Amino acid sequence: MSGPESETQARRRTIVVLQDEMRRVLDASRVLLEEYAAIVKGDKTQVGSSLERVKKSEEDVVTLRSALIRELSQVGTLLVNREDVLRAAFAVEDMFGHVNGVAFKMSQLSRSTAKDKKTGEMVNSLLGSLIDGISKLNDSIRALSINSEQAILLTSQVQQIESDIDNRYREAVAYVMKVTESIKELILLKDVFEAIEDCADAMLSASDASTILALGL
């Protein structure tokens, strides 16, 4: 087996593991909308189930990251951009900590707060945009093994979505500070919005890492 062929196979194996990681992050992010709907309904069983699903997905990502590290250690210097692959993997894993944070902080909201129409619209809108951005990032990482230019194009879309989330996060915080009478609920809502915005920031960091990886392919 020639050197270039060996490098191509090594790259393919590591990218596949990274893609598996990203897919699990996307699946977990989609659970957030289901969780919020369960909070509105007052379905504590479903809320608990949502938290467990996110936790299980996070455990899967940790396992996949360990598998990726083993794979990279085995290929050694065969893969010239292995540091870029590892950087992207850690960035994707970091997103999961924030997804988990959103899930937990939402679970602390009272049903009455979650049922507020305006609040619900803001939370669902932010979550929808977050999932859309993570989906674009997932598509970008999937494209790494096919078309690096397409992968870079998709990360630029992630950046646009993150910017939009940042703007609407500020609007949401300003709104709840004006209308929320309970200090406790105000703090909880701010925590939820900040967790979503932090997750979007982590998404952008992972997008940047994906771009660097794509440029090296």
Protein backbone atom coordinates (compact mmCIF):
# COMPACT_ATOMS: atom_id res chain seq x y z
CA MET A 1 0.00 0.00 0.00
CA SER A 2 1.49 3.32 -1.03
CA GLY A 3 1.94 6.32 1.24
CA PRO A 4 -0.78 8.49 -0.31
CA GLU A 5 -3.23 5.57 -0.25
CA SER A 6 -2.43 4.92 3.42
CA GLU A 7 -2.95 8.58 4.29
CA THR A 8 -6.27 8.64 2.43
CA GLN A 9 -7.54 5.62 4.34
CA ALA A 10 -6.33 7.01 7.67
CA ARG A 11 -8.05 10.32 6.96
CA ARG A 12 -11.26 8.57 5.98
CA ARG A 13 -11.36 6.52 9.19
CA THR A 14 -10.80 9.53 11.45
CA ILE A 15 -13.33 11.70 9.60
CA VAL A 16 -15.96 8.97 9.96
CA VAL A 17 -15.53 8.98 13.74
CA LEU A 18 -15.77 12.78 13.81
CA GLN A 19 -18.95 12.59 11.74
CA ASP A 20 -20.44 10.10 14.22
CA GLU A 21 -19.66 12.51 17.05
CA MET A 22 -21.35 15.40 15.26
CA ARG A 23 -24.44 13.36 14.41
CA ARG A 24 -24.98 12.55 18.07
CA VAL A 25 -24.69 16.23 18.99
CA LEU A 26 -27.36 17.04 16.40
CA ASP A 27 -29.66 14.29 17.68
CA ALA A 28 -29.29 15.55 21.25
CA SER A 29 -29.98 19.16 20.26
CA ARG A 30 -33.28 18.09 18.69
CA VAL A 31 -34.32 16.65 22.04
CA LEU A 32 -34.31 20.19 23.48
CA LEU A 33 -37.48 21.16 21.60
CA GLU A 34 -39.21 18.00 22.83
CA GLU A 35 -38.13 18.78 26.37
CA TYR A 36 -39.52 22.32 26.27
CA ALA A 37 -42.82 21.02 24.90
CA ALA A 38 -42.93 18.56 27.80
CA ILE A 39 -42.30 21.37 30.29
CA VAL A 40 -45.22 23.33 28.82
CA LYS A 41 -47.43 20.25 29.19
CA GLY A 42 -46.22 19.63 32.73
CA ASP A 43 -45.02 16.16 31.74
CA LYS A 44 -42.23 15.59 34.26
CA THR A 45 -41.67 12.03 33.08
CA GLN A 46 -40.96 13.21 29.54
CA VAL A 47 -38.70 15.97 30.84
CA GLY A 48 -36.69 13.40 32.77
CA SER A 49 -36.56 11.15 29.74
CA SER A 50 -35.24 14.03 27.62
CA LEU A 51 -32.47 14.72 30.13
CA GLU A 52 -31.48 11.05 30.11
CA ARG A 53 -31.37 10.94 26.32
CA VAL A 54 -29.06 13.96 26.22
CA LYS A 55 -26.84 12.43 28.89
CA LYS A 56 -26.63 9.11 27.02
CA SER A 57 -25.68 10.88 23.81
CA GLU A 58 -22.97 12.79 25.66
CA GLU A 59 -21.53 9.52 26.96
CA ASP A 60 -21.50 8.19 23.39
CA VAL A 61 -19.58 11.25 22.21
CA VAL A 62 -16.96 10.81 24.94
CA THR A 63 -16.53 7.18 23.84
CA LEU A 64 -16.20 8.22 20.19
CA ARG A 65 -13.66 10.89 21.06
CA SER A 66 -11.58 8.29 22.87
CA ALA A 67 -11.82 6.04 19.81
CA LEU A 68 -10.67 8.92 17.64
CA ILE A 69 -7.65 9.57 19.86
CA ARG A 70 -6.70 5.89 19.61
CA GLU A 71 -7.07 6.02 15.84
CA LEU A 72 -4.91 9.13 15.59
CA SER A 73 -2.22 7.61 17.82
CA GLN A 74 -2.11 4.56 15.57
CA VAL A 75 -1.68 6.48 12.32
CA GLY A 76 1.09 8.58 13.87
CA THR A 77 2.72 10.97 11.42
CA LEU A 78 0.89 9.31 8.52
CA LEU A 79 -1.89 11.88 8.84
CA VAL A 80 -0.28 15.30 8.52
CA ASN A 81 -3.30 17.24 9.81
CA ARG A 82 -4.13 15.01 12.78
CA GLU A 83 -3.94 17.99 15.16
CA ASP A 84 -6.68 19.69 13.15
CA VAL A 85 -8.84 16.57 13.37
CA LEU A 86 -8.34 16.38 17.13
CA ARG A 87 -9.05 20.09 17.56
CA ALA A 88 -12.33 19.67 15.69
CA ALA A 89 -13.25 16.63 17.79
CA PHE A 90 -12.68 18.50 21.06
CA ALA A 91 -14.70 21.46 19.75
CA VAL A 92 -17.60 19.16 18.88
CA GLU A 93 -17.42 17.52 22.30
CA ASP A 94 -17.39 20.93 23.97
CA MET A 95 -20.71 21.68 22.27
CA PHE A 96 -22.21 18.76 24.12
CA GLY A 97 -21.46 20.26 27.49
CA HIS A 98 -23.48 23.29 26.46
CA VAL A 99 -26.36 21.23 25.03
CA ASN A 100 -26.48 19.41 28.35
CA GLY A 101 -26.48 22.75 30.14
CA VAL A 102 -29.46 23.99 28.12
CA ALA A 103 -31.35 20.79 28.85
CA PHE A 104 -30.74 21.02 32.59
CA LYS A 105 -31.51 24.72 32.94
CA MET A 106 -34.75 24.40 30.98
CA SER A 107 -35.81 21.56 33.29
CA GLN A 108 -35.77 24.04 36.18
CA LEU A 109 -38.40 26.30 34.60
CA SER A 110 -41.90 26.23 36.04
CA ARG A 111 -44.76 25.23 33.79
CA SER A 112 -46.43 28.63 34.20
CA THR A 113 -43.31 30.42 32.97
CA ALA A 114 -42.85 28.04 30.03
CA LYS A 115 -46.52 28.42 29.05
CA ASP A 116 -46.20 32.19 28.63
CA LYS A 117 -46.82 32.75 24.91
CA LYS A 118 -44.10 35.32 24.28
CA THR A 119 -41.54 33.43 26.35
CA GLY A 120 -42.38 30.21 24.54
CA GLU A 121 -41.99 31.88 21.16
CA MET A 122 -38.56 33.21 22.09
CA VAL A 123 -37.29 29.93 23.52
CA ASN A 124 -38.59 27.88 20.60
CA SER A 125 -37.21 30.36 18.09
CA LEU A 126 -33.75 30.33 19.65
CA LEU A 127 -33.74 26.55 19.95
CA GLY A 128 -34.92 26.22 16.36
CA SER A 129 -32.08 28.43 15.13
CA LEU A 130 -29.57 26.58 17.29
CA ILE A 131 -30.67 23.23 15.86
CA ASP A 132 -30.55 24.69 12.35
CA GLY A 133 -26.98 25.85 12.93
CA ILE A 134 -25.92 22.52 14.38
CA SER A 135 -27.56 20.79 11.42
CA LYS A 136 -25.54 22.97 9.02
CA LEU A 137 -22.39 22.12 10.96
CA ASN A 138 -23.27 18.44 10.76
CA ASP A 139 -23.67 18.79 6.98
CA SER A 140 -20.32 20.57 6.82
CA ILE A 141 -18.52 17.80 8.67
CA ARG A 142 -20.23 15.20 6.50
CA ALA A 143 -18.96 17.08 3.45
CA LEU A 144 -15.36 16.83 4.66
CA SER A 145 -15.04 13.41 3.09
CA ILE A 146 -16.61 14.53 -0.21
CA ASN A 147 -16.10 18.19 -0.99
CA SER A 148 -14.00 20.46 1.23
CA GLU A 149 -15.20 23.60 -0.58
CA GLN A 150 -18.81 22.69 0.22
CA ALA A 151 -17.80 22.08 3.83
CA ILE A 152 -16.35 25.61 4.06
CA LEU A 153 -19.45 27.11 2.44
CA LEU A 154 -21.68 25.46 5.03
CA THR A 155 -19.57 26.75 7.93
CA SER A 156 -20.11 30.29 6.67
CA GLN A 157 -23.86 29.67 7.04
CA VAL A 158 -23.26 28.51 10.61
CA GLN A 159 -21.57 31.83 11.33
CA GLN A 160 -24.60 33.73 10.04
CA ILE A 161 -26.95 31.69 12.23
CA GLU A 162 -24.78 32.25 15.30
CA SER A 163 -24.86 36.01 14.69
CA ASP A 164 -28.65 35.92 14.46
CA ILE A 165 -28.90 33.93 17.70
CA ASP A 166 -26.65 36.46 19.42
CA ASN A 167 -28.93 39.33 18.42
CA ARG A 168 -32.13 37.57 19.46
CA TYR A 169 -30.56 36.47 22.72
CA ARG A 170 -30.09 40.11 23.68
CA GLU A 171 -33.69 40.89 22.72
CA ALA A 172 -34.97 37.98 24.78
CA VAL A 173 -33.01 38.98 27.88
CA ALA A 174 -34.18 42.59 27.55
CA TYR A 175 -37.79 41.42 27.28
CA VAL A 176 -37.81 39.12 30.32
CA MET A 177 -36.08 41.75 32.45
CA LYS A 178 -38.96 44.12 31.70
CA VAL A 179 -41.91 41.78 32.21
CA THR A 180 -40.84 39.04 34.65
CA GLU A 181 -41.96 39.88 38.19
CA SER A 182 -40.49 36.88 39.99
CA ILE A 183 -36.75 37.26 40.62
CA LYS A 184 -36.37 33.48 40.68
CA GLU A 185 -38.04 33.00 37.30
CA LEU A 186 -36.10 35.93 35.85
CA ILE A 187 -32.81 34.31 36.87
CA LEU A 188 -33.92 30.93 35.48
CA LEU A 189 -35.00 32.42 32.16
CA LYS A 190 -31.78 34.39 31.82
CA ASP A 191 -29.86 31.20 32.56
CA VAL A 192 -31.74 29.38 29.79
CA PHE A 193 -31.15 32.13 27.24
CA GLU A 194 -27.49 32.42 28.20
CA ALA A 195 -27.06 28.65 27.95
CA ILE A 196 -28.49 28.70 24.42
CA GLU A 197 -26.23 31.61 23.46
CA ASP A 198 -23.20 29.84 24.97
CA CYS A 199 -24.08 26.74 22.97
CA ALA A 200 -24.22 28.86 19.82
CA ASP A 201 -20.75 30.23 20.64
CA ALA A 202 -19.45 26.68 21.05
CA MET A 203 -21.10 25.81 17.73
CA LEU A 204 -19.20 28.67 16.09
CA SER A 205 -15.91 27.47 17.60
CA ALA A 206 -16.58 23.99 16.22
CA SER A 207 -17.41 25.56 12.88
CA ASP A 208 -14.07 27.39 12.87
CA ALA A 209 -12.27 24.14 13.70
CA SER A 210 -14.13 22.43 10.86
CA THR A 211 -13.06 25.18 8.46
CA ILE A 212 -9.40 24.76 9.44
CA LEU A 213 -9.73 21.02 8.94
CA ALA A 214 -11.37 21.47 5.54
CA LEU A 215 -8.60 23.80 4.39
CA GLY A 216 -6.05 21.09 5.16
CA LEU A 217 -7.79 18.36 3.18
